[in-house]
């Protein structure tokens, strides 16, 4: 892991980005940029794309296919840590 002494320790924690591919509020490019920037700095980051999901898809509940896919990815991510 890269050292960034001026940055808060929180930055070093692994980050999971879960993003809908058709999010009209937060464009997917923002997740791509954040992911690329963290990787460039040597900070742990993963991104999971949820096809055809819009903004706030997790609010549709665990029975929604998009939410179920995201929750599965989140569980897998946390299980490895």
N, C-alpha and C. Protein backbone atom coordinates (compact mmCIF):
# COMPACT_ATOMS: atom_id res chain seq x y z
N UNK A 1 0.85 -1.18 0.00
CA UNK A 1 0.00 0.00 0.00
C UNK A 1 0.89 1.24 0.00
N UNK A 2 0.53 2.21 -0.80
CA UNK A 2 1.29 3.45 -0.85
C UNK A 2 1.13 4.22 0.45
N UNK A 3 2.12 5.02 0.76
CA UNK A 3 2.05 5.84 1.97
C UNK A 3 1.62 7.26 1.60
N UNK A 4 0.66 7.76 2.31
CA UNK A 4 0.15 9.12 2.12
C UNK A 4 -0.02 9.71 3.51
N UNK A 5 1.06 10.18 4.09
CA UNK A 5 1.06 10.60 5.49
C UNK A 5 0.13 11.77 5.77
N UNK A 6 -0.18 12.58 4.76
CA UNK A 6 -1.05 13.74 4.98
C UNK A 6 -2.53 13.40 4.84
N UNK A 7 -2.84 12.17 4.48
CA UNK A 7 -4.23 11.78 4.26
C UNK A 7 -4.78 11.06 5.47
N UNK A 8 -6.06 11.19 5.74
CA UNK A 8 -6.69 10.46 6.85
C UNK A 8 -6.56 8.95 6.65
N UNK A 9 -6.44 8.22 7.73
CA UNK A 9 -6.30 6.77 7.69
C UNK A 9 -7.47 6.11 6.95
N UNK A 10 -8.63 6.72 7.00
CA UNK A 10 -9.82 6.17 6.37
C UNK A 10 -9.61 5.87 4.88
N UNK A 11 -8.76 6.63 4.22
CA UNK A 11 -8.52 6.43 2.80
C UNK A 11 -7.91 5.07 2.50
N UNK A 12 -7.25 4.47 3.47
CA UNK A 12 -6.56 3.21 3.23
C UNK A 12 -7.50 2.00 3.26
N UNK A 13 -8.69 2.15 3.80
CA UNK A 13 -9.62 1.03 3.86
C UNK A 13 -10.08 0.65 2.46
N UNK A 14 -10.29 -0.64 2.23
CA UNK A 14 -10.79 -1.06 0.91
C UNK A 14 -12.14 -0.40 0.62
N UNK A 15 -12.33 -0.02 -0.62
CA UNK A 15 -13.57 0.64 -1.03
C UNK A 15 -14.23 -0.19 -2.12
N UNK A 16 -15.53 -0.37 -1.97
CA UNK A 16 -16.33 -1.03 -2.99
C UNK A 16 -17.29 0.00 -3.57
N UNK A 17 -17.22 0.20 -4.87
CA UNK A 17 -18.15 1.07 -5.56
C UNK A 17 -19.18 0.18 -6.26
N UNK A 18 -20.44 0.42 -6.00
CA UNK A 18 -21.53 -0.32 -6.65
C UNK A 18 -22.34 0.71 -7.41
N UNK A 19 -22.36 0.59 -8.73
CA UNK A 19 -22.93 1.66 -9.54
C UNK A 19 -23.80 1.10 -10.65
N UNK A 20 -24.96 1.71 -10.84
CA UNK A 20 -25.84 1.36 -11.95
C UNK A 20 -25.31 1.93 -13.25
N UNK A 21 -25.43 1.17 -14.31
CA UNK A 21 -24.86 1.61 -15.59
C UNK A 21 -25.68 2.70 -16.28
N UNK A 22 -26.93 2.92 -15.84
CA UNK A 22 -27.75 3.97 -16.45
C UNK A 22 -28.19 4.99 -15.40
N UNK A 23 -27.33 5.25 -14.44
CA UNK A 23 -27.63 6.22 -13.37
C UNK A 23 -27.64 7.63 -13.96
N UNK A 24 -28.80 8.31 -13.97
CA UNK A 24 -28.87 9.65 -14.55
C UNK A 24 -28.39 10.74 -13.59
N UNK A 25 -28.34 10.45 -12.30
CA UNK A 25 -27.96 11.45 -11.31
C UNK A 25 -26.45 11.50 -11.08
N UNK A 26 -25.84 10.34 -10.93
CA UNK A 26 -24.39 10.24 -10.76
C UNK A 26 -23.86 9.42 -11.93
N UNK A 27 -23.32 10.07 -12.93
CA UNK A 27 -22.88 9.35 -14.12
C UNK A 27 -21.86 8.26 -13.79
N UNK A 28 -21.95 7.12 -14.46
CA UNK A 28 -20.99 6.04 -14.24
C UNK A 28 -19.53 6.48 -14.38
N UNK A 29 -19.29 7.49 -15.19
CA UNK A 29 -17.92 8.00 -15.37
C UNK A 29 -17.32 8.48 -14.05
N UNK A 30 -18.15 8.97 -13.14
CA UNK A 30 -17.63 9.41 -11.84
C UNK A 30 -17.07 8.23 -11.05
N UNK A 31 -17.76 7.11 -11.08
CA UNK A 31 -17.26 5.90 -10.41
C UNK A 31 -15.98 5.43 -11.09
N UNK A 32 -15.95 5.48 -12.41
CA UNK A 32 -14.74 5.09 -13.15
C UNK A 32 -13.56 5.96 -12.75
N UNK A 33 -13.78 7.27 -12.65
CA UNK A 33 -12.69 8.19 -12.28
C UNK A 33 -12.20 7.94 -10.86
N UNK A 34 -13.13 7.76 -9.93
CA UNK A 34 -12.75 7.50 -8.54
C UNK A 34 -11.97 6.19 -8.44
N UNK A 35 -12.45 5.16 -9.10
CA UNK A 35 -11.77 3.87 -9.10
C UNK A 35 -10.35 4.01 -9.66
N UNK A 36 -10.23 4.65 -10.80
CA UNK A 36 -8.91 4.82 -11.43
C UNK A 36 -7.98 5.64 -10.55
N UNK A 37 -8.49 6.68 -9.94
CA UNK A 37 -7.66 7.56 -9.09
C UNK A 37 -7.15 6.79 -7.87
N UNK A 38 -8.02 6.06 -7.20
CA UNK A 38 -7.59 5.28 -6.03
C UNK A 38 -6.56 4.23 -6.43
N UNK A 39 -6.80 3.55 -7.55
CA UNK A 39 -5.84 2.54 -8.00
C UNK A 39 -4.48 3.18 -8.32
N UNK A 40 -4.51 4.35 -8.93
CA UNK A 40 -3.28 5.07 -9.27
C UNK A 40 -2.49 5.41 -8.00
N UNK A 41 -3.21 5.71 -6.92
CA UNK A 41 -2.56 6.03 -5.65
C UNK A 41 -2.18 4.78 -4.85
N UNK A 42 -2.54 3.62 -5.37
CA UNK A 42 -2.23 2.39 -4.66
C UNK A 42 -3.20 2.08 -3.55
N UNK A 43 -4.39 2.69 -3.60
CA UNK A 43 -5.40 2.47 -2.57
C UNK A 43 -6.37 1.40 -3.04
N UNK A 44 -6.79 0.52 -2.15
CA UNK A 44 -7.66 -0.58 -2.55
C UNK A 44 -9.05 -0.10 -2.96
N UNK A 45 -9.49 -0.56 -4.12
CA UNK A 45 -10.80 -0.15 -4.62
C UNK A 45 -11.27 -1.17 -5.66
N UNK A 46 -12.53 -1.53 -5.54
CA UNK A 46 -13.18 -2.40 -6.52
C UNK A 46 -14.46 -1.72 -6.99
N UNK A 47 -14.85 -2.03 -8.21
CA UNK A 47 -16.11 -1.49 -8.72
C UNK A 47 -16.96 -2.63 -9.26
N UNK A 48 -18.24 -2.58 -8.95
CA UNK A 48 -19.21 -3.54 -9.47
C UNK A 48 -20.26 -2.75 -10.23
N UNK A 49 -20.44 -3.11 -11.49
CA UNK A 49 -21.43 -2.45 -12.33
C UNK A 49 -22.72 -3.25 -12.30
N UNK A 50 -23.81 -2.57 -12.07
CA UNK A 50 -25.13 -3.22 -12.08
C UNK A 50 -25.82 -2.80 -13.38
N UNK A 51 -25.88 -3.72 -14.36
CA UNK A 51 -26.44 -3.38 -15.67
C UNK A 51 -27.88 -2.88 -15.59
N UNK A 52 -28.14 -1.81 -16.30
CA UNK A 52 -29.47 -1.22 -16.43
C UNK A 52 -30.05 -0.67 -15.13
N UNK A 53 -29.24 -0.54 -14.09
CA UNK A 53 -29.73 0.02 -12.82
C UNK A 53 -29.58 1.54 -12.83
N UNK A 54 -30.57 2.22 -12.26
CA UNK A 54 -30.54 3.67 -12.16
C UNK A 54 -30.07 4.06 -10.75
N UNK A 55 -30.16 5.34 -10.43
CA UNK A 55 -29.74 5.85 -9.13
C UNK A 55 -30.70 5.37 -8.03
N UNK A 56 -30.14 4.94 -6.92
CA UNK A 56 -30.97 4.56 -5.78
C UNK A 56 -31.61 3.20 -5.88
N UNK A 57 -31.09 2.33 -6.74
CA UNK A 57 -31.73 1.03 -6.95
C UNK A 57 -31.77 0.17 -5.69
N UNK A 58 -30.89 0.39 -4.73
CA UNK A 58 -30.93 -0.39 -3.49
C UNK A 58 -32.17 -0.09 -2.66
N UNK A 59 -32.77 1.05 -2.89
CA UNK A 59 -33.97 1.44 -2.14
C UNK A 59 -35.19 0.63 -2.57
N UNK A 60 -35.06 -0.11 -3.68
CA UNK A 60 -36.19 -0.92 -4.18
C UNK A 60 -36.35 -2.22 -3.40
N UNK A 61 -35.46 -2.48 -2.46
CA UNK A 61 -35.57 -3.65 -1.61
C UNK A 61 -34.82 -4.86 -2.13
N UNK A 62 -34.55 -5.83 -1.26
CA UNK A 62 -33.71 -6.97 -1.62
C UNK A 62 -34.32 -7.91 -2.67
N UNK A 63 -35.63 -7.79 -2.93
CA UNK A 63 -36.25 -8.64 -3.94
C UNK A 63 -36.08 -8.09 -5.35
N UNK A 64 -35.69 -6.84 -5.46
CA UNK A 64 -35.43 -6.25 -6.77
C UNK A 64 -34.17 -6.89 -7.35
N UNK A 65 -34.17 -7.30 -8.62
CA UNK A 65 -33.00 -7.97 -9.19
C UNK A 65 -31.71 -7.14 -9.12
N UNK A 66 -31.82 -5.82 -9.34
CA UNK A 66 -30.63 -4.97 -9.26
C UNK A 66 -30.11 -4.92 -7.83
N UNK A 67 -31.02 -4.75 -6.88
CA UNK A 67 -30.62 -4.70 -5.48
C UNK A 67 -30.03 -6.04 -5.04
N UNK A 68 -30.63 -7.13 -5.47
CA UNK A 68 -30.12 -8.45 -5.10
C UNK A 68 -28.71 -8.67 -5.62
N UNK A 69 -28.46 -8.22 -6.85
CA UNK A 69 -27.11 -8.35 -7.42
C UNK A 69 -26.12 -7.51 -6.62
N UNK A 70 -26.50 -6.30 -6.27
CA UNK A 70 -25.62 -5.42 -5.49
C UNK A 70 -25.36 -5.99 -4.10
N UNK A 71 -26.41 -6.47 -3.45
CA UNK A 71 -26.24 -7.03 -2.10
C UNK A 71 -25.34 -8.26 -2.13
N UNK A 72 -25.44 -9.06 -3.15
CA UNK A 72 -24.57 -10.22 -3.29
C UNK A 72 -23.11 -9.78 -3.43
N UNK A 73 -22.87 -8.75 -4.23
CA UNK A 73 -21.51 -8.23 -4.40
C UNK A 73 -20.98 -7.66 -3.10
N UNK A 74 -21.83 -6.97 -2.36
CA UNK A 74 -21.42 -6.38 -1.08
C UNK A 74 -21.07 -7.49 -0.08
N UNK A 75 -21.90 -8.52 -0.01
CA UNK A 75 -21.62 -9.64 0.89
C UNK A 75 -20.28 -10.31 0.55
N UNK A 76 -20.06 -10.52 -0.73
CA UNK A 76 -18.80 -11.15 -1.17
C UNK A 76 -17.60 -10.28 -0.80
N UNK A 77 -17.73 -8.98 -1.04
CA UNK A 77 -16.66 -8.04 -0.72
C UNK A 77 -16.34 -8.08 0.78
N UNK A 78 -17.37 -8.04 1.60
CA UNK A 78 -17.16 -8.04 3.05
C UNK A 78 -16.65 -9.38 3.56
N UNK A 79 -17.05 -10.45 2.93
CA UNK A 79 -16.60 -11.78 3.37
C UNK A 79 -15.10 -11.96 3.19
N UNK A 80 -14.52 -11.23 2.25
CA UNK A 80 -13.08 -11.33 2.01
C UNK A 80 -12.27 -10.45 2.96
N UNK A 81 -12.94 -9.68 3.79
CA UNK A 81 -12.23 -8.77 4.67
C UNK A 81 -12.42 -9.15 6.08
